[in-house]
Amino acid sequence: MKKRAWLLGFLGAGLISLTLAQSTNACFIEITRVRTEHPSPFHVTVSPDGNTLVVTNQSGHSITLIDARSRKIIGEVPVQVQPEASVVLHDGRTIYVCNAESDSVSVVDMNNKSVIKTIKVGDWPCNVKLSKDGSKAYVSCSGNMWNSIDIIDTSRNEKVGEIKTSNYGPRDIAISPDGKTGAIICDTVGSTNRSVDFVDLESGRIIETRVIRGSANLRGIVYTPDGAFVLVTMQQPKNWLPVCEAENAQIFSNNVAVMETKPGGKVACMPLDEQNNYDGDPYGIAVGPEGKYVYIGIRGMHRVTILDLEKMRDIVVSSPQEELDDLKNDLTLMVDYLVARVNVGLGPSSVCLSPDGKYCYAANYFSNNVSVIRIPID
């Protein structure tokens, strides 16, 4: 594959809570950090109208509500033990919160700031996503010996079914833009070839299972706006240690998998590392509504890495699978699609975007705050 290199630069400068990151074609500024008051903010999401941020506090066993405009805390709601993700229903009022250690989902009324119902689900629910019409909530139950996505009817707030995955540890599900297909990452402990299930949501049937060879620690998954690709944050063991030992020692290279969604499509494990700069422990991932940028929370390096999606797609589309298989260890490649690295708080484990795509929010696990990154408008 003939690679191109674009002249990119990035600059970090701190002034109180301001952090500046630049490239040749974009300027991303972390404009503020909002304290959450409760420990270990693990996940952040935004209401459909963009007015409210919902932060799940893993060790605080609560959610924090933040006014997105004033960036002031407007409420705290206790939930059950170790909440790891949440989603806001299309009504802008109802929040579903996954309580991993309690094996439950809390239904929260945002206006009253109270839990109105608790729904029992499978082992270790760690992510929740809505169907396109908002009628169902899909809960990823990622216990080591569990293989289900539980389905909640949002009109009745009851579990009404489940989707069985091809392997254990379903950690997250992404819903295709047309609402017909789910892409589920199976982060099966002990496996060196973790996988993505593509599921027909109407029938619950697995359409295809796509293996990401040599993969570990699948953390987040997202569709591109046109539905042609899914992107997965992941790592790969660097040596021949058993994968369970490698995971404990964190001996990994860091990648984002770019996967064509058409049947039998190509899979590219594209490096997030450079020769002298490493994106240790990539976690949450988001794609802008216009499909221009990819945002990844780099938990081990306390920053958000921003990538050029079009350039990544060009590499995948123009290369045969044999050449894509060699990309994962090419530490000269990232300069082709790196846009910026923005320093944020400590341990960003989740990122999300405002509905208008003007702001990126990062939940900083170790510094108990949320970073707000302003996105340049071309």
Protein backbone atom coordinates (compact mmCIF):
# COMPACT_ATOMS: atom_id res chain seq x y z
CA MET A 1 0.00 0.00 0.00
CA LYS A 2 1.28 3.39 -0.90
CA LYS A 3 0.96 5.61 2.13
CA ARG A 4 0.59 9.34 2.16
CA ALA A 5 1.94 11.65 4.79
CA TRP A 6 0.32 14.93 5.66
CA LEU A 7 2.10 17.62 7.55
CA LEU A 8 0.43 17.65 10.98
CA GLY A 9 1.41 19.42 14.13
CA PHE A 10 -0.11 19.63 17.52
CA LEU A 11 0.72 21.96 20.35
CA GLY A 12 -0.26 21.76 24.02
CA ALA A 13 -0.14 24.79 26.25
CA GLY A 14 -1.76 25.14 29.68
CA LEU A 15 -3.28 28.29 31.12
CA ILE A 16 -5.21 27.52 34.32
CA SER A 17 -7.83 25.12 32.87
CA LEU A 18 -7.25 25.90 29.21
CA THR A 19 -5.50 23.39 26.98
CA LEU A 20 -4.78 24.10 23.33
CA ALA A 21 -4.21 21.46 20.66
CA GLN A 22 -3.55 22.38 17.06
CA SER A 23 -3.10 20.72 13.69
CA THR A 24 -2.67 22.16 10.25
CA ASN A 25 -6.42 22.20 9.63
CA ALA A 26 -8.13 22.31 13.01
CA CYS A 27 -7.96 23.81 16.47
CA PHE A 28 -9.52 22.00 19.42
CA ILE A 29 -9.64 23.74 22.79
CA GLU A 30 -10.50 22.26 26.15
CA ILE A 31 -12.42 25.22 27.49
CA THR A 32 -13.33 24.05 30.97
CA ARG A 33 -13.53 21.19 33.44
CA VAL A 34 -16.66 20.62 35.51
CA ARG A 35 -16.30 19.03 38.94
CA THR A 36 -18.71 16.13 39.51
CA GLU A 37 -18.37 16.05 43.34
CA HIS A 38 -18.88 12.26 43.37
CA PRO A 39 -15.96 9.88 42.78
CA SER A 40 -14.98 8.01 39.64
CA PRO A 41 -17.06 9.45 36.78
CA PHE A 42 -16.94 6.55 34.35
CA HIS A 43 -19.38 7.53 31.60
CA VAL A 44 -20.92 10.68 30.15
CA THR A 45 -23.87 11.09 27.82
CA VAL A 46 -25.99 14.00 26.69
CA SER A 47 -29.75 14.51 26.44
CA PRO A 48 -31.31 14.60 22.95
CA ASP A 49 -31.76 18.39 23.12
CA GLY A 50 -28.13 18.86 24.15
CA ASN A 51 -29.06 20.73 27.33
CA THR A 52 -28.11 18.19 30.00
CA LEU A 53 -25.09 15.98 30.62
CA VAL A 54 -25.56 12.77 32.58
CA VAL A 55 -22.44 11.45 34.31
CA THR A 56 -22.37 7.99 35.93
CA ASN A 57 -20.14 7.89 39.01
CA GLN A 58 -18.84 4.35 39.32
CA SER A 59 -17.52 4.55 42.89
CA GLY A 60 -20.05 7.19 43.95
CA HIS A 61 -23.01 4.92 43.05
CA SER A 62 -24.86 7.90 41.60
CA ILE A 63 -25.42 9.98 38.51
CA THR A 64 -24.62 13.68 38.23
CA LEU A 65 -26.74 16.02 36.11
CA ILE A 66 -24.95 19.01 34.56
CA ASP A 67 -26.43 21.95 32.67
CA ALA A 68 -24.51 21.82 29.38
CA ARG A 69 -24.79 25.58 28.81
CA SER A 70 -23.85 26.96 32.21
CA ARG A 71 -21.70 23.87 33.02
CA LYS A 72 -23.12 23.87 36.53
CA ILE A 73 -24.27 20.81 38.46
CA ILE A 74 -28.05 20.75 38.71
CA GLY A 75 -28.59 17.49 40.54
CA GLU A 76 -27.30 14.20 41.95
CA VAL A 77 -29.32 10.98 42.00
CA PRO A 78 -28.22 7.92 44.02
CA VAL A 79 -28.63 4.63 42.12
CA GLN A 80 -27.44 1.10 42.86
CA VAL A 81 -23.90 -0.26 43.04
CA GLN A 82 -21.25 0.64 40.46
CA PRO A 83 -23.13 2.40 37.66
CA GLU A 84 -21.14 2.21 34.42
CA ALA A 85 -23.28 3.80 31.68
CA SER A 86 -26.53 5.62 31.03
CA VAL A 87 -28.71 6.83 28.18
CA VAL A 88 -31.45 9.47 27.98
CA LEU A 89 -34.75 8.51 26.37
CA HIS A 90 -36.08 10.59 23.45
CA ASP A 91 -38.56 12.25 25.83
CA GLY A 92 -35.60 14.08 27.39
CA ARG A 93 -36.80 13.10 30.86
CA THR A 94 -36.16 9.39 31.43
CA ILE A 95 -32.65 8.04 32.08
CA TYR A 96 -31.62 4.37 32.07
CA VAL A 97 -28.57 3.61 34.24
CA CYS A 98 -26.63 0.33 34.22
CA ASN A 99 -25.61 -0.76 37.73
CA ALA A 100 -22.88 -3.32 37.05
CA GLU A 101 -22.41 -4.84 40.48
CA SER A 102 -26.14 -4.85 41.30
CA ASP A 103 -27.12 -6.52 37.99
CA SER A 104 -29.83 -3.93 37.51
CA VAL A 105 -30.95 -0.91 35.52
CA SER A 106 -32.22 2.17 37.37
CA VAL A 107 -34.93 4.20 35.67
CA VAL A 108 -34.46 7.84 36.67
CA ASP A 109 -36.88 10.73 36.25
CA MET A 110 -34.63 13.65 35.34
CA ASN A 111 -37.17 16.30 36.30
CA ASN A 112 -37.88 14.87 39.73
CA LYS A 113 -34.28 13.67 40.17
CA SER A 114 -35.39 10.34 41.55
CA VAL A 115 -35.35 6.63 40.72
CA ILE A 116 -38.84 5.55 39.65
CA LYS A 117 -38.08 1.88 38.99
CA THR A 118 -35.29 -0.69 39.20
CA ILE A 119 -35.19 -3.47 36.60
CA LYS A 120 -33.32 -6.74 37.18
CA VAL A 121 -31.08 -7.77 34.26
CA GLY A 122 -28.19 -10.17 33.58
CA ASP A 123 -24.69 -10.33 35.02
CA TRP A 124 -22.68 -7.11 35.06
CA PRO A 125 -24.65 -4.69 32.87
CA CYS A 126 -22.09 -2.18 31.62
CA ASN A 127 -23.64 -0.38 28.63
CA VAL A 128 -27.07 0.62 27.40
CA LYS A 129 -28.20 1.95 24.01
CA LEU A 130 -31.60 2.88 22.59
CA SER A 131 -33.30 1.63 19.46
CA LYS A 132 -33.73 4.28 16.79
CA ASP A 133 -37.36 4.93 17.75
CA GLY A 134 -36.59 4.79 21.47
CA SER A 135 -39.04 1.96 22.12
CA LYS A 136 -36.35 -0.41 23.40
CA ALA A 137 -33.23 -0.16 25.52
CA TYR A 138 -30.49 -2.71 24.81
CA VAL A 139 -28.42 -3.58 27.89
CA SER A 140 -25.01 -5.24 27.45
CA CYS A 141 -24.51 -7.84 30.20
CA SER A 142 -20.77 -8.50 30.14
CA GLY A 143 -20.18 -11.04 32.91
CA ASN A 144 -17.33 -13.44 32.14
CA MET A 145 -19.77 -16.34 31.76
CA TRP A 146 -22.64 -14.31 30.33
CA ASN A 147 -23.65 -13.83 26.72
CA SER A 148 -26.77 -11.72 26.45
CA ILE A 149 -28.04 -8.31 25.47
CA ASP A 150 -31.15 -7.74 27.57
CA ILE A 151 -34.05 -5.85 25.98
CA ILE A 152 -36.18 -3.38 27.98
CA ASP A 153 -39.51 -2.07 26.70
CA THR A 154 -39.27 1.65 27.47
CA SER A 155 -43.05 2.17 27.49
CA ARG A 156 -43.50 -0.37 30.31
CA ASN A 157 -39.99 -0.27 31.81
CA GLU A 158 -39.85 -4.06 31.83
CA LYS A 159 -37.41 -6.61 30.45
CA VAL A 160 -39.12 -8.23 27.48
CA GLY A 161 -36.41 -10.36 25.87
CA GLU A 162 -32.75 -10.89 25.17
CA ILE A 163 -30.28 -11.36 22.33
CA LYS A 164 -27.82 -14.22 22.77
CA THR A 165 -24.34 -13.41 21.52
CA SER A 166 -21.87 -15.82 19.92
CA ASN A 167 -19.44 -15.60 22.82
CA TYR A 168 -19.13 -14.38 26.39
CA GLY A 169 -18.62 -10.85 27.60
CA PRO A 170 -20.77 -8.61 25.35
CA ARG A 171 -19.45 -5.23 26.44
CA ASP A 172 -21.20 -2.74 24.20
CA ILE A 173 -23.69 -2.49 21.34
CA ALA A 174 -23.91 0.12 18.57
CA ILE A 175 -27.14 0.67 16.64
CA SER A 176 -26.91 1.22 12.88
CA PRO A 177 -28.15 4.57 11.54
CA ASP A 178 -31.18 2.88 9.92
CA GLY A 179 -32.03 1.19 13.21
CA LYS A 180 -32.10 -2.31 11.75
CA THR A 181 -28.79 -3.79 12.90
CA GLY A 182 -26.82 -3.96 16.13
CA ALA A 183 -23.05 -4.43 16.29
CA ILE A 184 -21.97 -6.08 19.55
CA ILE A 185 -18.40 -6.38 20.82
CA CYS A 186 -17.73 -9.67 22.65
CA ASP A 187 -14.79 -9.01 24.95
CA THR A 188 -14.36 -12.66 25.90
CA VAL A 189 -11.77 -12.99 28.69
CA GLY A 190 -8.91 -15.32 27.78
CA SER A 191 -9.52 -15.17 24.03
CA THR A 192 -6.88 -13.76 21.70
CA ASN A 193 -9.38 -13.46 18.86
CA ARG A 194 -12.25 -11.35 20.14
CA SER A 195 -15.17 -10.61 17.91
CA VAL A 196 -18.06 -8.45 16.76
CA ASP A 197 -21.57 -9.87 16.26
CA PHE A 198 -23.82 -8.20 13.70
CA VAL A 199 -27.43 -8.80 14.77
CA ASP A 200 -30.77 -8.28 13.06
CA LEU A 201 -32.60 -6.33 15.77
CA GLU A 202 -36.10 -7.28 14.65
CA SER A 203 -35.51 -11.02 14.93
CA GLY A 204 -32.57 -11.00 17.38
CA ARG A 205 -30.70 -13.30 15.00
CA ILE A 206 -26.93 -13.05 14.51
CA ILE A 207 -26.27 -12.22 10.86
CA GLU A 208 -22.50 -12.52 10.99
CA THR A 209 -19.69 -12.83 13.52
CA ARG A 210 -16.52 -11.02 12.52
CA VAL A 211 -13.29 -11.95 14.33
CA ILE A 212 -10.63 -9.33 15.11
CA ARG A 213 -7.53 -11.50 15.17
CA GLY A 214 -5.02 -11.00 17.95
CA SER A 215 -7.34 -8.61 19.77
CA ALA A 216 -8.00 -7.93 23.43
CA ASN A 217 -9.75 -5.35 25.59
CA LEU A 218 -12.51 -4.31 23.21
CA ARG A 219 -13.96 -1.26 24.96
CA GLY A 220 -16.19 0.85 22.70
CA ILE A 221 -17.97 0.52 19.36
CA VAL A 222 -19.68 3.06 17.10
CA TYR A 223 -21.17 3.17 13.60
CA THR A 224 -20.14 5.79 11.08
CA PRO A 225 -23.09 8.08 10.13
CA ASP A 226 -23.52 6.35 6.75
CA GLY A 227 -23.54 2.89 8.35
CA ALA A 228 -20.72 1.63 6.12
CA PHE A 229 -18.23 1.02 8.96
CA VAL A 230 -18.04 0.29 12.65
CA LEU A 231 -15.07 1.41 14.73
CA VAL A 232 -13.87 -0.45 17.82
CA THR A 233 -11.32 0.65 20.43
CA MET A 234 -9.04 -2.28 21.25
CA GLN A 235 -5.59 -3.48 22.24
CA GLN A 236 -3.30 -6.27 21.08
CA PRO A 237 -0.84 -8.26 23.21
CA LYS A 238 2.75 -7.47 22.24
CA ASN A 239 4.28 -10.84 23.07
CA TRP A 240 3.57 -14.52 23.56
CA LEU A 241 2.38 -14.34 27.16
CA PRO A 242 -1.00 -15.97 27.80
CA VAL A 243 -3.58 -13.31 27.15
CA CYS A 244 -4.83 -13.31 30.76
CA GLU A 245 -1.30 -12.50 32.00
CA ALA A 246 -0.83 -9.89 29.31
CA GLU A 247 -4.06 -8.20 30.34
CA ASN A 248 -2.96 -7.99 33.96
CA ALA A 249 0.41 -6.55 32.97
CA GLN A 250 -1.08 -4.26 30.31
CA ILE A 251 1.53 -5.30 27.75
CA PHE A 252 -0.31 -4.05 24.70
CA SER A 253 -0.24 -2.05 21.52
CA ASN A 254 -3.19 0.28 21.06
CA ASN A 255 -5.46 0.29 18.03
CA VAL A 256 -8.81 1.22 16.60
CA ALA A 257 -10.39 -1.45 14.41
CA VAL A 258 -12.11 -0.13 11.29
CA MET A 259 -14.56 -2.74 10.03
CA GLU A 260 -16.66 -2.70 6.89
CA THR A 261 -20.25 -3.57 7.75
CA LYS A 262 -21.07 -5.30 4.46
CA PRO A 263 -21.03 -9.11 4.73
CA GLY A 264 -17.48 -10.44 4.69
CA GLY A 265 -16.11 -6.90 4.75
CA LYS A 266 -12.52 -5.96 5.52
CA VAL A 267 -11.10 -5.40 9.01
CA ALA A 268 -8.18 -3.06 9.66
CA CYS A 269 -6.51 -2.70 13.07
CA MET A 270 -5.13 0.82 12.74
CA PRO A 271 -2.44 1.96 15.20
CA LEU A 272 -3.01 4.66 17.78
CA ASP A 273 0.68 4.45 18.72
CA GLU A 274 3.63 6.22 17.16
CA GLN A 275 7.28 5.41 17.61
CA ASN A 276 7.70 7.86 20.48
CA ASN A 277 4.12 8.51 21.54
CA TYR A 278 1.67 5.90 22.75
CA ASP A 279 -2.10 6.08 23.25
CA GLY A 280 -2.25 3.68 26.18
CA ASP A 281 -5.64 2.17 27.06
CA PRO A 282 -8.13 3.53 24.48
CA TYR A 283 -11.65 3.45 25.88
CA GLY A 284 -14.73 5.39 24.80
CA ILE A 285 -15.25 6.36 21.16
CA ALA A 286 -17.54 8.74 19.28
CA VAL A 287 -17.93 9.90 15.68
CA GLY A 288 -19.12 13.39 14.76
CA PRO A 289 -22.58 13.67 13.18
CA GLU A 290 -20.99 14.88 9.95
CA GLY A 291 -18.65 11.87 9.85
CA LYS A 292 -15.49 13.97 9.76
CA TYR A 293 -13.72 13.22 13.05
CA VAL A 294 -13.33 10.27 15.42
CA TYR A 295 -12.88 11.00 19.14
CA ILE A 296 -11.27 8.45 21.48
CA GLY A 297 -10.78 8.75 25.23
CA ILE A 298 -7.23 7.59 26.01
CA ARG A 299 -7.53 6.57 29.63
CA GLY A 300 -3.86 5.78 30.21
CA MET A 301 -2.53 9.04 28.72
CA HIS A 302 -5.17 11.48 30.00
CA ARG A 303 -6.16 12.88 26.64
CA VAL A 304 -8.68 12.68 23.83
CA THR A 305 -7.21 11.64 20.49
CA ILE A 306 -8.95 13.00 17.39
CA LEU A 307 -8.62 11.22 14.04
CA ASP A 308 -9.55 12.03 10.46
CA LEU A 309 -12.22 9.47 9.54
CA GLU A 310 -12.10 10.10 5.80
CA LYS A 311 -8.36 9.36 5.64
CA MET A 312 -8.83 6.18 7.65
CA ARG A 313 -11.62 5.05 5.33
CA ASP A 314 -9.44 5.75 2.29
CA ILE A 315 -6.75 3.44 3.64
CA VAL A 316 -9.24 0.63 4.25
CA VAL A 317 -11.08 0.96 0.94
CA SER A 318 -7.92 1.23 -1.18
CA SER A 319 -6.02 -1.67 0.42
CA PRO A 320 -6.50 -5.43 0.14
CA GLN A 321 -7.01 -7.37 3.37
CA GLU A 322 -3.48 -8.82 3.17
CA GLU A 323 -1.98 -5.34 3.41
CA LEU A 324 -4.41 -4.26 6.11
CA ASP A 325 -3.26 -7.22 8.23
CA ASP A 326 0.22 -5.68 8.37
CA LEU A 327 -0.92 -2.24 9.52
CA LYS A 328 -1.33 -2.98 13.21
CA ASN A 329 2.43 -2.86 13.87
CA ASP A 330 3.24 0.07 11.57
CA LEU A 331 4.07 2.90 13.97
CA THR A 332 4.70 5.31 11.08
CA LEU A 333 1.08 5.14 9.93
CA MET A 334 -0.79 7.25 12.45
CA VAL A 335 0.61 10.52 11.10
CA ASP A 336 -1.60 9.91 8.07
CA TYR A 337 -4.84 10.30 10.04
CA LEU A 338 -3.95 11.97 13.35
CA VAL A 339 -5.66 15.35 13.72
CA ALA A 340 -4.94 16.30 17.34
CA ARG A 341 -4.36 15.06 20.87
CA VAL A 342 -6.11 17.18 23.48
CA ASN A 343 -4.98 16.93 27.08
CA VAL A 344 -7.92 16.53 29.46
CA GLY A 345 -8.38 15.35 33.05
CA LEU A 346 -7.04 12.09 34.44
CA GLY A 347 -8.31 8.84 32.98
CA PRO A 348 -10.96 9.75 30.36
CA SER A 349 -12.98 6.55 30.09
CA SER A 350 -15.92 7.89 28.07
CA VAL A 351 -16.52 10.53 25.40
CA CYS A 352 -19.69 11.83 23.80
CA LEU A 353 -20.66 14.65 21.45
CA SER A 354 -23.31 17.33 21.65
CA PRO A 355 -26.13 16.71 19.13
CA ASP A 356 -24.92 19.63 16.99
CA GLY A 357 -21.35 18.29 16.98
CA LYS A 358 -19.87 21.49 18.44
CA TYR A 359 -18.60 20.02 21.71
CA CYS A 360 -16.94 16.83 22.88
CA TYR A 361 -17.35 15.80 26.51
CA ALA A 362 -14.96 13.46 28.35
CA ALA A 363 -15.58 11.83 31.74
CA ASN A 364 -12.29 11.83 33.68
CA TYR A 365 -12.31 8.87 36.04
CA PHE A 366 -9.37 9.75 38.27
CA SER A 367 -9.80 13.53 38.56
CA ASN A 368 -13.58 13.52 39.21
CA ASN A 369 -14.46 15.98 36.48
CA VAL A 370 -15.74 16.34 32.94
CA SER A 371 -13.74 18.04 30.20
CA VAL A 372 -15.43 20.13 27.53
CA ILE A 373 -13.64 20.36 24.17
CA ARG A 374 -14.72 22.94 21.65
CA ILE A 375 -14.74 21.60 18.10
CA PRO A 376 -13.75 24.01 15.31
CA ILE A 377 -16.39 24.76 12.72
CA ASP A 378 -14.99 24.90 9.17
